[in-house]
Protein backbone atom coordinates (compact mmCIF):
# COMPACT_ATOMS: atom_id res chain seq x y z
CA MET A 1 30.46 -37.18 -23.80
CA LYS A 2 33.51 -35.75 -22.11
CA THR A 3 32.79 -32.21 -23.37
CA ILE A 4 29.19 -32.40 -22.18
CA LEU A 5 30.38 -33.46 -18.74
CA ILE A 6 32.93 -30.62 -18.63
CA CYS A 7 30.31 -28.09 -19.78
CA ALA A 8 27.84 -29.35 -17.17
CA LEU A 9 30.52 -29.13 -14.49
CA LEU A 10 31.44 -25.56 -15.53
CA LEU A 11 27.76 -24.60 -15.55
CA LEU A 12 27.30 -26.11 -12.11
CA ILE A 13 30.33 -24.25 -10.74
CA SER A 14 29.11 -20.99 -12.31
CA LEU A 15 25.65 -21.41 -10.80
CA TRP A 16 27.17 -22.20 -7.40
CA TYR A 17 29.35 -19.07 -7.61
CA LEU A 18 26.36 -16.89 -8.54
CA SER A 19 24.40 -18.39 -5.66
CA PHE A 20 27.33 -17.71 -3.34
CA LEU A 21 27.52 -14.08 -4.51
CA ALA A 22 23.77 -13.60 -4.06
CA ALA A 23 23.87 -15.05 -0.54
CA ARG A 24 26.85 -12.88 0.38
CA LEU A 25 25.14 -9.78 -0.94
CA ASP A 26 21.99 -10.66 0.98
CA ARG A 27 24.01 -11.03 4.20
CA LEU A 28 25.68 -7.67 3.58
CA HIS A 29 22.32 -5.97 3.01
CA HIS A 30 21.04 -7.54 6.21
CA ARG A 31 24.15 -6.27 8.01
CA VAL A 32 23.48 -2.75 6.72
CA GLU A 33 19.86 -2.90 7.88
CA THR A 34 20.71 -4.19 11.35
CA SER A 35 23.55 -1.70 11.80
CA TRP A 36 21.20 1.12 10.77
CA ALA A 37 18.50 -0.12 13.17
CA ASN A 38 21.05 -0.15 15.99
CA LEU A 39 22.32 3.32 15.08
CA ASP A 40 18.78 4.65 14.78
CA GLY A 41 17.90 3.32 18.23
CA LEU A 42 20.96 4.98 19.73
CA LEU A 43 20.15 8.27 18.00
CA GLN A 44 16.57 8.12 19.25
CA ARG A 45 17.88 7.54 22.77
CA ARG A 46 20.23 10.52 22.39
CA ALA A 47 17.28 12.71 21.38
CA ALA A 48 15.34 11.48 24.43
CA ILE A 49 18.26 12.30 26.73
CA ALA A 50 18.54 15.72 25.11
CA LEU A 51 14.86 16.31 25.91
CA GLU A 52 15.44 15.25 29.51
CA ILE A 53 18.41 17.63 29.76
CA ALA A 54 16.31 20.44 28.29
CA ARG A 55 13.59 19.83 30.87
CA SER A 56 16.04 19.70 33.76
CA ASP A 57 17.43 22.66 35.67
CA PHE A 58 20.77 22.24 33.90
CA ALA A 59 19.80 24.32 30.87
CA ASP A 60 18.73 27.95 30.86
CA PRO A 61 15.40 28.68 29.12
CA ALA A 62 16.93 29.78 25.80
CA SER A 63 19.24 26.76 25.59
CA ALA A 64 16.38 24.50 26.64
CA LEU A 65 14.21 25.85 23.83
CA ILE A 66 16.93 25.31 21.22
CA LEU A 67 17.70 21.84 22.55
CA THR A 68 14.03 20.85 22.70
CA SER A 69 13.45 22.00 19.14
CA ALA A 70 16.52 20.16 17.84
CA ALA A 71 15.63 16.99 19.75
CA TYR A 72 12.06 16.92 18.44
CA GLN A 73 13.29 17.53 14.89
CA ALA A 74 15.78 14.67 15.22
CA ARG A 75 13.12 12.32 16.57
CA GLU A 76 10.51 13.16 13.96
CA ALA A 77 12.72 13.65 10.90
CA GLY A 78 12.20 11.51 7.83
CA VAL A 79 14.97 9.91 5.85
CA GLN A 80 15.64 13.01 3.75
CA GLU A 81 15.82 15.44 6.69
CA ARG A 82 17.50 13.09 9.15
CA SER A 83 21.05 14.18 8.40
CA SER A 84 20.47 17.88 8.99
CA ALA A 85 18.29 17.21 12.05
CA GLU A 86 20.93 15.03 13.72
CA SER A 87 23.63 17.59 12.91
CA ALA A 88 21.46 20.31 14.46
CA LEU A 89 20.99 18.22 17.60
CA SER A 90 24.75 17.63 17.82
CA GLY A 91 25.30 21.37 17.49
CA ALA A 92 22.71 22.19 20.15
CA LEU A 93 24.26 19.70 22.56
CA LEU A 94 27.73 21.10 21.91
CA LEU A 95 26.46 24.65 22.52
CA LEU A 96 24.84 23.64 25.77
CA LEU A 97 27.92 21.82 27.01
CA ALA A 98 30.29 24.57 25.85
CA ASP A 99 28.35 27.26 27.73
CA GLY A 100 29.99 26.10 30.95
CA HIS A 101 26.86 25.40 32.94
CA SER A 102 27.53 24.20 36.46
CA HIS A 103 27.08 20.52 37.07
CA SER A 104 25.50 21.02 40.47
CA ALA A 105 22.34 19.03 39.91
CA SER A 106 22.99 15.34 40.38
CA ALA A 107 20.20 14.38 37.97
CA ALA A 108 21.72 16.56 35.27
CA HIS A 109 25.13 15.10 36.04
CA LEU A 110 23.75 11.58 35.56
CA LEU A 111 22.13 12.62 32.29
CA LEU A 112 25.40 14.11 31.06
CA GLU A 113 27.28 10.93 31.97
CA GLU A 114 24.68 8.86 30.14
CA LEU A 115 24.97 11.20 27.15
CA LYS A 116 28.75 10.80 27.19
CA LEU A 117 28.49 7.00 27.20
CA LEU A 118 25.82 7.08 24.52
CA THR A 119 27.97 9.31 22.31
CA ALA A 120 30.78 6.75 22.50
CA LYS A 121 28.33 4.00 21.53
CA ILE A 122 27.03 6.13 18.65
CA ARG A 123 30.57 6.62 17.34
CA ILE A 124 31.10 2.86 17.34
CA ALA A 125 27.71 2.25 15.70
CA ILE A 126 28.53 4.82 13.02
CA ALA A 127 31.83 3.06 12.31
CA ILE A 128 30.06 -0.29 12.04
CA HIS A 129 27.37 1.16 9.78
CA THR A 130 29.80 2.93 7.44
CA ASP A 131 31.88 -0.26 7.23
CA ALA A 132 28.78 -2.29 6.34
CA VAL A 133 27.73 0.26 3.73
CA SER A 134 31.17 0.41 2.12
CA SER A 135 31.44 -3.40 2.04
CA THR A 136 28.03 -3.69 0.42
CA GLN A 137 28.81 -0.98 -2.12
CA MET A 138 32.10 -2.68 -2.98
CA VAL A 139 30.43 -6.06 -3.55
CA ARG A 140 27.65 -4.48 -5.60
CA LYS A 141 30.25 -3.04 -7.98
CA LYS A 142 31.42 -6.53 -8.97
CA TYR A 143 30.84 -7.50 -12.55
CA GLY A 144 28.84 -10.67 -11.80
CA ILE A 145 26.53 -8.85 -9.40
CA ARG A 146 25.71 -6.14 -11.93
CA ILE A 147 25.37 -8.39 -15.00
CA PHE A 148 23.09 -10.95 -13.36
CA ARG A 149 21.30 -8.30 -11.26
CA LEU A 150 21.83 -10.25 -8.07
CA ALA A 151 21.02 -7.20 -5.94
CA GLY A 152 17.43 -7.42 -7.09
CA THR A 153 15.39 -4.39 -6.09
CA ALA A 154 17.39 -3.60 -2.96
CA PRO A 155 18.40 0.06 -2.89
CA LEU A 156 22.07 0.94 -2.84
CA PRO A 157 22.95 1.66 0.79
CA VAL A 158 24.23 5.13 1.56
CA THR A 159 25.84 6.92 4.47
CA TYR A 160 24.47 10.15 5.88
CA GLU A 161 26.29 13.42 6.46
CA PHE A 162 25.81 13.38 10.22
CA GLU A 163 27.80 10.15 10.35
CA PHE A 164 30.91 12.17 9.61
CA ASP A 165 30.20 14.90 12.17
CA ALA A 166 32.08 14.94 15.41
CA LEU A 167 29.24 14.02 17.75
């Protein structure tokens, strides 16, 4: 009787621990998804600001064409092409800002200030997203998670190359 009670108690503790691990993994996957949604929204806003800058008098026609193309590619890119498209947009923005255009137009100045603030927010969002991804990957490597397949059909979260670029 005592051994049955001990076995039942151990089974109950094991089931509780597996349930705890599954709930933790689910929260981490949710954290990855929400951090990606936030980052994606910020990147979409950056592409929209880049289009506004390209349409303003701030950019010369050649720079505007490059910036417009990069912004549209970043907005329309799928998951596979997203990394290269965002890197191209970062490069186009850096080229435009490095050209030394005058900041005479107040509308362009406001857009550049908004872009500067947005870039800082994107850096923070990237840090949050990479932290969420690394935490989820670390938990998914645990023995109990792999043996009992607690991750289910959720894909392994990954980071993208543009997340390591200097925006």
